[in-house]
Protein backbone atom coordinates (compact mmCIF):
# COMPACT_ATOMS: atom_id res chain seq x y z
CA UNK A 1 -0.04 -0.14 0.13
CA UNK A 2 1.37 3.60 -0.92
CA UNK A 3 2.52 5.77 1.97
CA UNK A 4 2.54 9.54 2.33
CA UNK A 5 -0.68 9.71 0.69
CA UNK A 6 -4.57 8.12 1.82
CA UNK A 7 -4.73 5.28 -0.61
CA UNK A 8 -8.04 3.97 0.29
CA UNK A 9 -8.54 0.12 -0.64
CA UNK A 10 -12.13 -1.32 -0.16
CA UNK A 11 -12.80 -4.84 -0.29
CA UNK A 12 -15.31 -4.38 -3.03
CA UNK A 13 -11.97 -4.91 -5.45
CA UNK A 14 -11.62 -8.02 -4.01
CA UNK A 15 -13.84 -11.10 -4.80
CA UNK A 16 -16.29 -11.71 -2.53
CA UNK A 17 -14.93 -14.98 -1.34
CA UNK A 18 -11.73 -13.45 -0.39
CA UNK A 19 -13.00 -10.44 1.34
CA UNK A 20 -12.67 -11.34 4.70
CA UNK A 21 -9.21 -12.89 4.39
CA UNK A 22 -8.00 -9.64 2.24
CA UNK A 23 -8.79 -7.64 5.15
CA UNK A 24 -7.19 -9.85 7.80
CA UNK A 25 -3.87 -9.83 6.09
CA UNK A 26 -3.87 -6.28 5.30
CA UNK A 27 -4.69 -5.37 9.19
CA UNK A 28 -1.73 -8.00 10.23
CA UNK A 29 0.69 -5.90 7.40
CA UNK A 30 -0.23 -2.51 8.24
CA UNK A 31 -1.30 -2.33 11.83
CA UNK A 32 -0.37 -5.07 13.82
CA UNK A 33 -0.88 -9.26 13.39
CA UNK A 34 -4.29 -10.17 15.06
CA UNK A 35 -6.71 -12.89 14.68
CA UNK A 36 -9.74 -11.83 12.99
CA UNK A 37 -13.07 -13.49 12.99
CA UNK A 38 -16.72 -12.69 11.61
CA UNK A 39 -19.75 -14.47 12.11
CA UNK A 40 -20.50 -13.34 8.22
CA UNK A 41 -17.21 -13.74 6.49
CA UNK A 42 -18.88 -14.23 3.39
CA UNK A 43 -20.79 -11.24 3.20
CA UNK A 44 -18.15 -9.15 4.73
CA UNK A 45 -16.82 -5.56 3.54
CA UNK A 46 -14.33 -3.33 4.42
CA UNK A 47 -12.40 -0.43 3.60
CA UNK A 48 -8.58 0.44 4.69
CA UNK A 49 -6.05 3.30 4.05
CA UNK A 50 -2.84 3.98 5.34
CA UNK A 51 -1.04 7.51 6.06
CA UNK A 52 2.75 7.76 6.68
CA UNK A 53 3.66 10.44 9.02
CA UNK A 54 7.54 10.36 9.28
CA UNK A 55 8.22 8.35 12.65
CA UNK A 56 4.50 7.70 13.19
CA UNK A 57 1.70 6.18 10.85
CA UNK A 58 -1.88 6.83 10.84
CA UNK A 59 -4.35 3.65 9.56
CA UNK A 60 -8.19 4.12 9.05
CA UNK A 61 -10.26 1.07 9.14
CA UNK A 62 -14.04 0.61 7.99
CA UNK A 63 -15.36 -2.83 8.72
CA UNK A 64 -18.69 -4.88 9.40
CA UNK A 65 -18.85 -6.38 12.51
CA UNK A 66 -15.94 -8.42 13.91
CA UNK A 67 -13.90 -9.75 16.59
CA UNK A 68 -10.04 -9.79 16.94
CA UNK A 69 -7.41 -11.19 19.07
CA UNK A 70 -3.90 -10.50 19.75
CA UNK A 71 -2.56 -13.75 21.30
CA UNK A 72 0.87 -14.23 22.99
CA UNK A 73 1.76 -16.56 19.83
CA UNK A 74 1.07 -13.71 17.55
CA UNK A 75 3.29 -11.51 19.86
CA UNK A 76 6.06 -13.83 19.85
CA UNK A 77 5.98 -13.97 16.09
CA UNK A 78 5.74 -10.38 15.66
CA UNK A 79 5.80 -7.25 17.48
CA UNK A 80 5.99 -3.79 16.33
CA UNK A 81 6.48 -2.76 20.01
CA UNK A 82 3.92 0.17 19.78
CA UNK A 83 0.98 1.92 21.59
CA UNK A 84 -1.90 2.36 19.46
CA UNK A 85 -4.30 5.15 19.77
CA UNK A 86 -7.74 5.02 18.23
CA UNK A 87 -10.21 7.40 17.40
CA UNK A 88 -13.79 5.64 17.11
CA UNK A 89 -15.23 7.36 14.69
CA UNK A 90 -18.47 4.90 13.76
CA UNK A 91 -20.59 2.44 16.13
CA UNK A 92 -18.72 1.31 19.14
CA UNK A 93 -15.28 -0.99 20.31
CA UNK A 94 -15.34 -2.85 23.44
CA UNK A 95 -11.65 -3.61 24.23
CA UNK A 96 -9.83 -5.59 26.89
CA UNK A 97 -6.34 -5.47 27.82
CA UNK A 98 -4.27 -5.62 30.75
CA UNK A 99 -7.16 -6.49 33.26
CA UNK A 100 -9.03 -3.35 32.08
CA UNK A 101 -12.56 -3.50 29.74
CA UNK A 102 -14.07 -0.94 28.05
CA UNK A 103 -16.71 0.07 25.59
CA UNK A 104 -15.76 3.39 23.78
CA UNK A 105 -17.97 4.86 21.38
CA UNK A 106 -17.99 7.41 18.36
CA UNK A 107 -15.78 10.64 19.42
CA UNK A 108 -14.20 8.54 22.41
CA UNK A 109 -10.37 7.50 22.00
CA UNK A 110 -9.05 4.21 23.58
CA UNK A 111 -5.49 2.95 23.48
CA UNK A 112 -3.77 -0.62 23.41
CA UNK A 113 -0.13 -2.04 23.65
CA UNK A 114 1.02 -3.88 21.27
CA UNK A 115 3.41 -6.29 23.38
CA UNK A 116 0.39 -7.43 25.49
CA UNK A 117 -2.55 -10.11 24.70
CA UNK A 118 -5.71 -7.94 23.76
CA UNK A 119 -9.34 -9.07 22.66
CA UNK A 120 -11.57 -6.69 20.89
CA UNK A 121 -14.76 -6.80 18.79
CA UNK A 122 -17.61 -4.45 17.58
CA UNK A 123 -21.17 -5.37 18.43
CA UNK A 124 -22.81 -7.28 15.93
CA UNK A 125 -25.89 -4.88 15.77
CA UNK A 126 -23.69 -1.74 15.66
CA UNK A 127 -23.63 -1.63 11.54
CA UNK A 128 -20.32 -0.58 10.08
CA UNK A 129 -17.45 0.33 12.64
CA UNK A 130 -15.13 2.87 12.08
CA UNK A 131 -11.55 3.46 13.42
CA UNK A 132 -8.96 6.00 12.88
CA UNK A 133 -5.43 4.44 14.55
CA UNK A 134 -2.15 6.34 15.07
CA UNK A 135 0.63 3.86 15.72
CA UNK A 136 3.14 5.40 18.10
CA UNK A 137 6.75 3.22 18.92
CA UNK A 138 6.80 3.11 22.38
CA UNK A 139 10.28 4.22 23.02
CA UNK A 140 9.06 7.46 21.36
CA UNK A 141 6.35 8.16 24.07
CA UNK A 142 7.77 10.35 26.80
CA UNK A 143 5.76 8.61 29.59
CA UNK A 144 6.80 5.66 31.95
CA UNK A 145 5.36 2.23 30.77
CA UNK A 146 3.70 1.74 34.48
CA UNK A 147 1.91 5.11 33.97
CA UNK A 148 0.71 4.52 30.37
CA UNK A 149 -0.44 0.79 31.55
CA UNK A 150 -3.28 2.51 33.28
CA UNK A 151 -4.74 3.98 30.33
CA UNK A 152 -4.88 0.41 28.51
CA UNK A 153 -8.30 -0.35 27.59
CA UNK A 154 -9.83 2.77 29.26
CA UNK A 155 -12.57 4.81 27.56
CA UNK A 156 -10.91 8.43 26.87
CA UNK A 157 -13.93 10.76 26.06
CA UNK A 158 -12.80 13.19 23.17
CA UNK A 159 -15.44 15.58 23.33
CA UNK A 160 -13.47 18.46 25.23
CA UNK A 161 -9.65 19.46 26.03
CA UNK A 162 -6.70 18.33 24.79
CA UNK A 163 -8.71 15.22 23.78
CA UNK A 164 -10.65 17.13 21.20
CA UNK A 165 -7.81 18.82 19.78
CA UNK A 166 -5.99 15.67 19.25
CA UNK A 167 -9.46 14.15 17.61
CA UNK A 168 -9.87 17.02 15.85
CA UNK A 169 -6.29 16.66 14.07
CA UNK A 170 -6.78 12.86 13.57
CA UNK A 171 -10.16 13.38 11.66
CA UNK A 172 -8.59 16.42 9.72
CA UNK A 173 -5.37 14.41 8.62
CA UNK A 174 -8.01 11.68 7.46
CA UNK A 175 -9.65 14.60 5.27
CA UNK A 176 -6.86 16.49 4.10
CA UNK A 177 -3.65 14.21 4.26
CA UNK A 178 -3.49 13.50 0.53
CA UNK A 179 -3.19 17.43 0.10
CA UNK A 180 -0.09 17.60 2.13
CA UNK A 181 3.91 17.21 1.19
CA UNK A 182 5.80 14.32 2.62
CA UNK A 183 7.72 17.51 4.94
CA UNK A 184 4.48 18.47 5.83
CA UNK A 185 3.07 15.21 6.85
CA UNK A 186 5.94 14.46 8.83
CA UNK A 187 5.41 17.50 10.69
CA UNK A 188 2.01 16.77 11.08
CA UNK A 189 3.15 13.54 12.33
CA UNK A 190 5.23 14.96 15.29
CA UNK A 191 2.41 17.26 16.31
CA UNK A 192 -0.43 14.84 16.57
CA UNK A 193 2.09 12.40 18.65
CA UNK A 194 3.28 15.48 20.98
CA UNK A 195 -0.39 15.73 21.45
CA UNK A 196 -1.21 12.25 21.90
CA UNK A 197 1.56 12.39 24.69
CA UNK A 198 0.11 15.25 26.40
CA UNK A 199 -3.73 13.85 26.17
CA UNK A 200 -2.70 10.73 28.01
CA UNK A 201 -0.37 13.03 30.25
CA UNK A 202 -3.63 14.89 31.01
CA UNK A 203 -5.64 11.75 32.08
CA UNK A 204 -3.13 10.58 34.29
CA UNK A 205 -2.75 13.98 35.54
CA UNK A 206 1.00 14.19 35.18
CA UNK A 207 1.14 16.91 32.82
CA UNK A 208 4.49 18.11 34.60
CA UNK A 209 6.52 14.93 33.60
CA UNK A 210 6.33 15.87 29.93
CA UNK A 211 9.27 17.75 28.00
CA UNK A 212 9.14 21.43 28.04
CA UNK A 213 9.01 21.50 24.30
CA UNK A 214 6.22 18.98 24.45
CA UNK A 215 4.05 21.14 26.84
CA UNK A 216 4.65 24.33 24.74
CA UNK A 217 3.39 22.89 21.73
CA UNK A 218 0.41 21.29 23.62
CA UNK A 219 -0.51 24.86 24.74
CA UNK A 220 0.27 26.55 21.67
CA UNK A 221 -2.01 24.07 19.97
CA UNK A 222 -4.58 24.61 22.74
CA UNK A 223 -4.59 28.51 22.04
CA UNK A 224 -4.85 28.09 18.31
CA UNK A 225 -7.98 25.86 18.45
CA UNK A 226 -9.37 28.45 21.18
CA UNK A 227 -8.37 31.61 18.42
CA UNK A 228 -10.30 29.57 15.86
CA UNK A 229 -13.24 28.91 18.09
CA UNK A 230 -13.70 32.52 18.86
CA UNK A 231 -12.76 34.22 15.23
CA UNK A 232 -16.29 35.72 15.15
CA UNK A 233 -15.94 37.84 18.49
CA UNK A 234 -14.73 41.28 17.78
CA UNK A 235 -13.28 41.58 21.80
CA UNK A 236 -10.98 38.28 21.29
CA UNK A 237 -7.45 39.92 22.06
CA UNK A 238 -3.87 38.85 23.37
CA UNK A 239 -5.43 39.42 27.19
CA UNK A 240 -8.55 37.46 26.65
CA UNK A 241 -6.64 34.77 25.29
CA UNK A 242 -3.86 34.81 28.08
CA UNK A 243 -6.57 35.13 30.73
CA UNK A 244 -8.46 31.85 29.52
CA UNK A 245 -5.34 30.03 29.66
CA UNK A 246 -4.33 31.27 32.80
CA UNK A 247 -0.79 33.05 31.77
CA UNK A 248 0.43 36.43 31.49
CA UNK A 249 0.18 38.30 28.13
CA UNK A 250 3.86 38.30 27.96
CA UNK A 251 4.24 34.88 28.10
CA UNK A 252 1.79 34.58 25.30
CA UNK A 253 3.50 36.68 23.13
CA UNK A 254 6.90 34.71 24.28
CA UNK A 255 4.70 31.24 22.75
CA UNK A 256 4.36 32.99 19.75
CA UNK A 257 7.69 34.38 18.82
CA UNK A 258 9.16 32.41 16.61
CA UNK A 259 6.49 31.13 14.83
CA UNK A 260 6.70 34.02 12.17
CA UNK A 261 3.54 35.71 13.36
CA UNK A 262 2.47 37.79 16.25
CA UNK A 263 -0.68 36.94 18.02
CA UNK A 264 -2.62 39.77 16.11
CA UNK A 265 -1.33 38.81 13.06
CA UNK A 266 -2.47 34.98 13.57
CA UNK A 267 -6.33 36.34 14.66
CA UNK A 268 -6.42 38.66 11.72
CA UNK A 269 -4.91 35.93 9.08
CA UNK A 270 -7.17 33.23 10.26
CA UNK A 271 -10.10 35.27 10.10
CA UNK A 272 -9.62 36.72 6.34
CA UNK A 273 -9.05 33.03 5.70
CA UNK A 274 -12.80 32.45 6.78
CA UNK A 275 -13.58 35.62 4.88
CA UNK A 276 -12.27 34.18 1.71
CA UNK A 277 -13.68 30.83 2.10
CA UNK A 278 -17.26 32.36 2.59
CA UNK A 279 -16.94 34.77 -0.28
CA UNK A 280 -15.82 31.92 -2.56
CA UNK A 281 -19.17 29.88 -2.05
CA UNK A 282 -21.30 31.10 -4.72
CA UNK A 283 -24.84 29.43 -2.71
CA UNK A 284 -24.04 32.19 -0.01
CA UNK A 285 -25.46 35.23 -0.70
CA UNK A 286 -24.96 37.21 2.29
CA UNK A 287 -23.50 40.61 2.03
CA UNK A 288 -19.71 41.07 2.02
CA UNK A 289 -19.60 43.30 5.03
CA UNK A 290 -22.19 40.56 6.91
CA UNK A 291 -19.57 38.15 6.33
CA UNK A 292 -16.73 40.37 7.65
CA UNK A 293 -18.65 41.04 10.58
CA UNK A 294 -19.32 37.50 11.14
CA UNK A 295 -15.71 36.41 11.23
CA UNK A 296 -14.95 39.32 14.05
CA UNK A 297 -14.26 42.79 11.72
CA UNK A 298 -16.25 45.71 12.99
CA UNK A 299 -14.46 48.38 10.34
CA UNK A 300 -15.45 47.61 6.59
CA UNK A 301 -12.59 49.89 5.87
CA UNK A 302 -10.15 48.18 7.77
CA UNK A 303 -11.49 44.44 6.64
CA UNK A 304 -11.66 45.73 2.94
CA UNK A 305 -7.95 47.47 3.13
CA UNK A 306 -6.55 43.70 4.87
CA UNK A 307 -8.33 41.67 2.76
CA UNK A 308 -6.72 43.70 -0.45
CA UNK A 309 -3.35 43.43 1.12
CA UNK A 310 -3.55 39.83 1.59
CA UNK A 311 -5.09 38.91 -1.52
CA UNK A 312 -4.60 41.61 -4.30
CA UNK A 313 -8.37 42.15 -4.83
CA UNK A 314 -11.22 43.56 -2.91
CA UNK A 315 -13.61 41.46 -1.54
CA UNK A 316 -16.16 42.21 -3.84
CA UNK A 317 -13.94 41.74 -7.02
CA UNK A 318 -12.64 38.20 -5.44
CA UNK A 319 -16.25 36.94 -4.84
CA UNK A 320 -16.99 38.04 -8.90
CA UNK A 321 -13.67 35.82 -9.82
CA UNK A 322 -14.68 33.09 -8.09
CA UNK A 323 -18.51 33.14 -9.22
CA UNK A 324 -16.70 33.44 -12.77
CA UNK A 325 -14.39 30.62 -12.31
CA UNK A 326 -16.74 28.34 -11.32
CA UNK A 327 -19.03 29.35 -13.98
CA UNK A 328 -16.45 28.62 -16.30
CA UNK A 329 -15.38 25.41 -15.05
CA UNK A 330 -19.03 23.81 -14.38
CA UNK A 331 -17.84 22.97 -10.97
CA UNK A 332 -15.36 24.11 -8.20
CA UNK A 333 -11.79 23.54 -8.29
């Protein structure tokens, strides 16, 4: 399977009698060797994809209900020595490992260790299951084994805090990974792994054990996510951001130092990007100034000047150009 881009392979491309064996073999090669079984192998359907992230790897698996076992014999035969952190995106997953048991549902994170036996299953009546699996070499994760053991086969809710940011990035990689260069994917892999470590440390209440660089990267991602969620608030300022994250304004500016843009520049750039996206949508007939106000611009003159400086066109000229391009091409490019 080709690396560095999502290459989605479907069982529909395989003869029906070979689909289940194809999926079992693919999982063993690309994720980890397991013993997989299904109540209806003759009607089994699945999809799989792999994305290379440099030192890390991400897999997406979609499948009809099945059972999976990682046995001592399989571990002796082949062990990548990884922690595998999965985001459940459809249905649910029941996992048992190291004396722990959990049922993770869509939106949850759940982790297992490839060096230890496990059993997993998706409910027979749960419909198609889907996982996005981040494969983390054990020697790279900056936490002690005894600490991580407490999280094996534990449901980690992904709806808020660091877990929500990690889940969002994992889903974004699924949606946009094929548009990134190998260098960008390597960097995104590092960022994702650092967030994964921070998420695990948060659930263990040991954030202080993480390297200073990892803590800084995690805080930076939290701040960027906060900014993106509050772009429409005209009162979004460095003081507001710093107060929300329990830090001084000076510390906030120091965190941004070296990133190539200040806090204010980041806010303005992200606002302009959202305005540009809205202006490029032909079905959105909202007046230009309403779009600007929606994304936090209170002065029409400031918005028009900033947009022209960033795009080389006025907002109205940009919108007209996009409509013309869509009309000439018949579809959005």
